[in-house]
Amino acid sequence: MIEYMKEERQPERILYLAVPVSVYGKFFMLPFVQTVIKRFQIILIIYDPVGEVLLEWKN
């Protein structure tokens, strides 16, 4: 829904989705989630909430 709203109001804006590393490993690696990420070209930022560091950017 955010992607559709962005297209209408601020099409030039790039959206990033910040995901804790534990959630990425359990949920975002599922095949259907990977399909959605590719379909909507979601840029992920994977971070460690305990260490408070960014681990990876995925385009």
PDB file of N, CA and C in Angstrom:
ATOM      1  N   MET A   1       0.818  -1.186   0.000  1.00  0.00           N
ATOM      2  CA  MET A   1       0.000   0.000   0.000  1.00  0.00           C
ATOM      3  C   MET A   1       0.863   1.251   0.000  1.00  0.00           C
ATOM      4  N   ILE A   2       1.969   1.193   0.702  1.00  0.00           N
ATOM      5  CA  ILE A   2       2.849   2.359   0.754  1.00  0.00           C
ATOM      6  C   ILE A   2       3.364   2.695  -0.635  1.00  0.00           C
ATOM      7  N   GLU A   3       3.704   1.671  -1.400  1.00  0.00           N
ATOM      8  CA  GLU A   3       4.205   1.884  -2.757  1.00  0.00           C
ATOM      9  C   GLU A   3       3.177   2.606  -3.625  1.00  0.00           C
ATOM     10  N   TYR A   4       1.931   2.213  -3.534  1.00  0.00           N
ATOM     11  CA  TYR A   4       0.884   2.870  -4.321  1.00  0.00           C
ATOM     12  C   TYR A   4       0.668   4.321  -3.881  1.00  0.00           C
ATOM     13  N   MET A   5       0.708   4.555  -2.602  1.00  0.00           N
ATOM     14  CA  MET A   5       0.550   5.906  -2.090  1.00  0.00           C
ATOM     15  C   MET A   5       1.719   6.785  -2.544  1.00  0.00           C
ATOM     16  N   LYS A   6       2.911   6.236  -2.511  1.00  0.00           N
ATOM     17  CA  LYS A   6       4.097   6.972  -2.948  1.00  0.00           C
ATOM     18  C   LYS A   6       3.990   7.353  -4.422  1.00  0.00           C
ATOM     19  N   GLU A   7       3.511   6.433  -5.242  1.00  0.00           N
ATOM     20  CA  GLU A   7       3.375   6.708  -6.669  1.00  0.00           C
ATOM     21  C   GLU A   7       2.472   7.904  -6.930  1.00  0.00           C
ATOM     22  N   GLU A   8       1.436   8.059  -6.134  1.00  0.00           N
ATOM     23  CA  GLU A   8       0.511   9.169  -6.323  1.00  0.00           C
ATOM     24  C   GLU A   8       1.050  10.489  -5.795  1.00  0.00           C
ATOM     25  N   ARG A   9       1.666  10.452  -4.619  1.00  0.00           N
ATOM     26  CA  ARG A   9       2.026  11.702  -3.943  1.00  0.00           C
ATOM     27  C   ARG A   9       3.475  12.129  -4.134  1.00  0.00           C
ATOM     28  N   GLN A  10       4.389  11.182  -4.156  1.00  0.00           N
ATOM     29  CA  GLN A  10       5.814  11.522  -4.260  1.00  0.00           C
ATOM     30  C   GLN A  10       6.546  10.470  -5.098  1.00  0.00           C
ATOM     31  N   PRO A  11       6.301  10.446  -6.394  1.00  0.00           N
ATOM     32  CA  PRO A  11       6.873   9.392  -7.234  1.00  0.00           C
ATOM     33  C   PRO A  11       8.401   9.402  -7.283  1.00  0.00           C
ATOM     34  N   GLU A  12       9.031  10.517  -6.985  1.00  0.00           N
ATOM     35  CA  GLU A  12      10.496  10.598  -7.026  1.00  0.00           C
ATOM     36  C   GLU A  12      11.161  10.014  -5.773  1.00  0.00           C
ATOM     37  N   ARG A  13      10.397   9.790  -4.742  1.00  0.00           N
ATOM     38  CA  ARG A  13      10.933   9.297  -3.471  1.00  0.00           C
ATOM     39  C   ARG A  13      11.283   7.815  -3.573  1.00  0.00           C
ATOM     40  N   ILE A  14      12.412   7.440  -2.990  1.00  0.00           N
ATOM     41  CA  ILE A  14      12.833   6.045  -2.930  1.00  0.00           C
ATOM     42  C   ILE A  14      12.516   5.517  -1.544  1.00  0.00           C
ATOM     43  N   LEU A  15      11.813   4.376  -1.492  1.00  0.00           N
ATOM     44  CA  LEU A  15      11.451   3.785  -0.210  1.00  0.00           C
ATOM     45  C   LEU A  15      12.411   2.664   0.154  1.00  0.00           C
ATOM     46  N   TYR A  16      12.753   2.599   1.415  1.00  0.00           N
ATOM     47  CA  TYR A  16      13.593   1.541   1.961  1.00  0.00           C
ATOM     48  C   TYR A  16      12.801   0.857   3.071  1.00  0.00           C
ATOM     49  N   LEU A  17      12.952  -0.449   3.169  1.00  0.00           N
ATOM     50  CA  LEU A  17      12.298  -1.195   4.229  1.00  0.00           C
ATOM     51  C   LEU A  17      13.382  -1.739   5.149  1.00  0.00           C
ATOM     52  N   ALA A  18      13.404  -1.253   6.390  1.00  0.00           N
ATOM     53  CA  ALA A  18      14.387  -1.701   7.376  1.00  0.00           C
ATOM     54  C   ALA A  18      13.855  -2.941   8.081  1.00  0.00           C
ATOM     55  N   VAL A  19      14.671  -3.996   8.088  1.00  0.00           N
ATOM     56  CA  VAL A  19      14.248  -5.291   8.617  1.00  0.00           C
ATOM     57  C   VAL A  19      15.305  -5.809   9.593  1.00  0.00           C
ATOM     58  N   PRO A  20      14.900  -6.205  10.801  1.00  0.00           N
ATOM     59  CA  PRO A  20      15.865  -6.812  11.723  1.00  0.00           C
ATOM     60  C   PRO A  20      16.395  -8.124  11.127  1.00  0.00           C
ATOM     61  N   VAL A  21      17.650  -8.408  11.367  1.00  0.00           N
ATOM     62  CA  VAL A  21      18.291  -9.585  10.785  1.00  0.00           C
ATOM     63  C   VAL A  21      17.555 -10.873  11.137  1.00  0.00           C
ATOM     64  N   SER A  22      17.005 -10.983  12.326  1.00  0.00           N
ATOM     65  CA  SER A  22      16.287 -12.203  12.711  1.00  0.00           C
ATOM     66  C   SER A  22      15.012 -12.388  11.891  1.00  0.00           C
ATOM     67  N   VAL A  23      14.319 -11.306  11.597  1.00  0.00           N
ATOM     68  CA  VAL A  23      13.102 -11.377  10.788  1.00  0.00           C
ATOM     69  C   VAL A  23      13.464 -11.683   9.338  1.00  0.00           C
ATOM     70  N   TYR A  24      14.533 -11.081   8.857  1.00  0.00           N
ATOM     71  CA  TYR A  24      14.960 -11.331   7.484  1.00  0.00           C
ATOM     72  C   TYR A  24      15.238 -12.820   7.278  1.00  0.00           C
ATOM     73  N   GLY A  25      15.975 -13.420   8.195  1.00  0.00           N
ATOM     74  CA  GLY A  25      16.325 -14.829   8.072  1.00  0.00           C
ATOM     75  C   GLY A  25      15.145 -15.767   8.158  1.00  0.00           C
ATOM     76  N   LYS A  26      14.125 -15.392   8.909  1.00  0.00           N
ATOM     77  CA  LYS A  26      12.964 -16.274   9.104  1.00  0.00           C
ATOM     78  C   LYS A  26      11.854 -16.032   8.092  1.00  0.00           C
ATOM     79  N   PHE A  27      11.608 -14.793   7.736  1.00  0.00           N
ATOM     80  CA  PHE A  27      10.450 -14.468   6.907  1.00  0.00           C
ATOM     81  C   PHE A  27      10.822 -14.028   5.496  1.00  0.00           C
ATOM     82  N   PHE A  28      11.778 -13.150   5.376  1.00  0.00           N
ATOM     83  CA  PHE A  28      12.080 -12.540   4.079  1.00  0.00           C
ATOM     84  C   PHE A  28      12.809 -13.470   3.120  1.00  0.00           C
ATOM     85  N   MET A  29      13.217 -14.633   3.586  1.00  0.00           N
ATOM     86  CA  MET A  29      13.839 -15.609   2.702  1.00  0.00           C
ATOM     87  C   MET A  29      12.824 -16.580   2.112  1.00  0.00           C
ATOM     88  N   LEU A  30      11.580 -16.512   2.544  1.00  0.00           N
ATOM     89  CA  LEU A  30      10.538 -17.380   1.995  1.00  0.00           C
ATOM     90  C   LEU A  30      10.319 -17.047   0.514  1.00  0.00           C
ATOM     91  N   PRO A  31      10.110 -18.070  -0.312  1.00  0.00           N
ATOM     92  CA  PRO A  31       9.975 -17.830  -1.757  1.00  0.00           C
ATOM     93  C   PRO A  31       8.915 -16.804  -2.141  1.00  0.00           C
ATOM     94  N   PHE A  32       7.735 -16.846  -1.517  1.00  0.00           N
ATOM     95  CA  PHE A  32       6.691 -15.885  -1.908  1.00  0.00           C
ATOM     96  C   PHE A  32       7.070 -14.463  -1.504  1.00  0.00           C
ATOM     97  N   VAL A  33       7.777 -14.303  -0.410  1.00  0.00           N
ATOM     98  CA  VAL A  33       8.224 -12.969   0.010  1.00  0.00           C
ATOM     99  C   VAL A  33       9.285 -12.461  -0.956  1.00  0.00           C
ATOM    100  N   GLN A  34      10.193 -13.321  -1.369  1.00  0.00           N
ATOM    101  CA  GLN A  34      11.202 -12.940  -2.356  1.00  0.00           C
ATOM    102  C   GLN A  34      10.544 -12.502  -3.666  1.00  0.00           C
ATOM    103  N   THR A  35       9.462 -13.168  -4.043  1.00  0.00           N
ATOM    104  CA  THR A  35       8.732 -12.785  -5.255  1.00  0.00           C
ATOM    105  C   THR A  35       8.145 -11.385  -5.120  1.00  0.00           C
ATOM    106  N   VAL A  36       7.563 -11.097  -3.971  1.00  0.00           N
ATOM    107  CA  VAL A  36       6.993  -9.758  -3.733  1.00  0.00           C
ATOM    108  C   VAL A  36       8.093  -8.699  -3.747  1.00  0.00           C
ATOM    109  N   ILE A  37       9.217  -8.988  -3.123  1.00  0.00           N
ATOM    110  CA  ILE A  37      10.342  -8.046  -3.097  1.00  0.00           C
ATOM    111  C   ILE A  37      10.798  -7.734  -4.516  1.00  0.00           C
ATOM    112  N   LYS A  38      10.933  -8.755  -5.341  1.00  0.00           N
ATOM    113  CA  LYS A  38      11.357  -8.540  -6.734  1.00  0.00           C
ATOM    114  C   LYS A  38      10.286  -7.815  -7.532  1.00  0.00           C
ATOM    115  N   ARG A  39       9.051  -8.209  -7.344  1.00  0.00           N
ATOM    116  CA  ARG A  39       7.946  -7.618  -8.110  1.00  0.00           C
ATOM    117  C   ARG A  39       7.823  -6.122  -7.870  1.00  0.00           C
ATOM    118  N   PHE A  40       7.947  -5.711  -6.619  1.00  0.00           N
ATOM    119  CA  PHE A  40       7.801  -4.300  -6.274  1.00  0.00           C
ATOM    120  C   PHE A  40       9.130  -3.578  -6.105  1.00  0.00           C
ATOM    121  N   GLN A  41      10.229  -4.281  -6.407  1.00  0.00           N
ATOM    122  CA  GLN A  41      11.572  -3.703  -6.335  1.00  0.00           C
ATOM    123  C   GLN A  41      11.815  -3.020  -4.994  1.00  0.00           C
ATOM    124  N   ILE A  42      11.558  -3.758  -3.936  1.00  0.00           N
ATOM    125  CA  ILE A  42      11.712  -3.236  -2.582  1.00  0.00           C
ATOM    126  C   ILE A  42      13.187  -3.272  -2.199  1.00  0.00           C
ATOM    127  N   ILE A  43      13.677  -2.165  -1.719  1.00  0.00           N
ATOM    128  CA  ILE A  43      15.061  -2.081  -1.250  1.00  0.00           C
ATOM    129  C   ILE A  43      15.051  -2.363   0.251  1.00  0.00           C
ATOM    130  N   LEU A  44      15.805  -3.368   0.651  1.00  0.00           N
ATOM    131  CA  LEU A  44      15.849  -3.765   2.059  1.00  0.00           C
ATOM    132  C   LEU A  44      17.116  -3.260   2.726  1.00  0.00           C
ATOM    133  N   ILE A  45      16.964  -2.844   3.957  1.00  0.00           N
ATOM    134  CA  ILE A  45      18.094  -2.544   4.834  1.00  0.00           C
ATOM    135  C   ILE A  45      17.994  -3.542   5.980  1.00  0.00           C
ATOM    136  N   ILE A  46      18.988  -4.395   6.086  1.00  0.00           N
ATOM    137  CA  ILE A  46      18.990  -5.411   7.137  1.00  0.00           C
ATOM    138  C   ILE A  46      19.892  -4.909   8.256  1.00  0.00           C
ATOM    139  N   TYR A  47      19.350  -4.911   9.467  1.00  0.00           N
ATOM    140  CA  TYR A  47      20.102  -4.348  10.580  1.00  0.00           C
ATOM    141  C   TYR A  47      20.070  -5.257  11.796  1.00  0.00           C
ATOM    142  N   ASP A  48      21.024  -5.038  12.667  1.00  0.00           N
ATOM    143  CA  ASP A  48      21.115  -5.753  13.949  1.00  0.00           C
ATOM    144  C   ASP A  48      20.624  -4.798  15.026  1.00  0.00           C
ATOM    145  N   PRO A  49      19.424  -5.049  15.591  1.00  0.00           N
ATOM    146  CA  PRO A  49      18.884  -4.124  16.585  1.00  0.00           C
ATOM    147  C   PRO A  49      19.664  -4.121  17.901  1.00  0.00           C
ATOM    148  N   VAL A  50      20.338  -5.213  18.216  1.00  0.00           N
ATOM    149  CA  VAL A  50      21.110  -5.277  19.457  1.00  0.00           C
ATOM    150  C   VAL A  50      22.404  -4.477  19.313  1.00  0.00           C
ATOM    151  N   GLY A  51      23.121  -4.730  18.235  1.00  0.00           N
ATOM    152  CA  GLY A  51      24.371  -4.017  17.998  1.00  0.00           C
ATOM    153  C   GLY A  51      24.185  -2.645  17.394  1.00  0.00           C
ATOM    154  N   GLU A  52      22.934  -2.355  16.984  1.00  0.00           N
ATOM    155  CA  GLU A  52      22.578  -1.070  16.378  1.00  0.00           C
ATOM    156  C   GLU A  52      23.459  -0.745  15.188  1.00  0.00           C
ATOM    157  N   VAL A  53      23.609  -1.737  14.289  1.00  0.00           N
ATOM    158  CA  VAL A  53      24.411  -1.540  13.084  1.00  0.00           C
ATOM    159  C   VAL A  53      23.653  -2.038  11.853  1.00  0.00           C
ATOM    160  N   LEU A  54      23.933  -1.389  10.739  1.00  0.00           N
ATOM    161  CA  LEU A  54      23.402  -1.856   9.461  1.00  0.00           C
ATOM    162  C   LEU A  54      24.290  -2.985   8.973  1.00  0.00           C
ATOM    163  N   LEU A  55      23.667  -4.068   8.539  1.00  0.00           N
ATOM    164  CA  LEU A  55      24.428  -5.226   8.093  1.00  0.00           C
ATOM    165  C   LEU A  55      24.487  -5.338   6.583  1.00  0.00           C
ATOM    166  N   GLU A  56      23.413  -4.928   5.916  1.00  0.00           N
ATOM    167  CA  GLU A  56      23.385  -5.128   4.470  1.00  0.00           C
ATOM    168  C   GLU A  56      22.291  -4.289   3.842  1.00  0.00           C
ATOM    169  N   TRP A  57      22.577  -3.801   2.618  1.00  0.00           N
ATOM    170  CA  TRP A  57      21.580  -3.133   1.773  1.00  0.00           C
ATOM    171  C   TRP A  57      21.299  -4.093   0.632  1.00  0.00           C
ATOM    172  N   LYS A  58      20.036  -4.365   0.363  1.00  0.00           N
ATOM    173  CA  LYS A  58      19.676  -5.261  -0.737  1.00  0.00           C
ATOM    174  C   LYS A  58      18.784  -4.509  -1.715  1.00  0.00           C
ATOM    175  N   ASN A  59      19.290  -4.336  -2.923  1.00  0.00           N
ATOM    176  CA  ASN A  59      18.505  -3.691  -3.982  1.00  0.00           C
ATOM    177  C   ASN A  59      17.714  -4.732  -4.736  1.00  0.00           C
TER     178      ASN A  59
END
